Amino acid sequence: DSTDDRNLFTRDVGPDGAFKPERVWEILKQVKIGPGLSQEQRRRVKELISSYTDCFALSVSEVRAVPDSVHRLNIPENTKFSTKVRQKALTPPQREYLHKKIDELLAAGIIERCRPDEV
């Protein structure tokens, strides 16, 4: 059922959405635990991750803004930037990947469109 798949990637579904067993399993599957840990340490790491699955995003649409946070770039005053960007042309697969990611970020409200003169 596609609804179930969509809900797997949404931590807002129901009171325990972030802790649904399917979601916890998917997060544990994606987190890589190094080989240098003992079985007991691995078990404890997995237990810890399972306790905090609400802190993980399985898709960019789950990323949330932190209220009142501001990102600042420490750029000295009067710094001049080149307005002529010489970017190497992207291959068709690179362009397709980039456009898909930009569309995801736009749809999630993480980025917004701007005019070239605003950059």
Foldseek 3Di string as FASTA:
>chain_A
DVVVVVLLQECPPPPRSLLDVSNLVVVVVPDDDDPPDDPVVNVVVSVVCSVPSLVDGPAPLRDDDDPPDDDDDPDDPPDDDDLDDDDDDDDVVVVVVVVVVVVRCCVSVVDHDDDSVVD
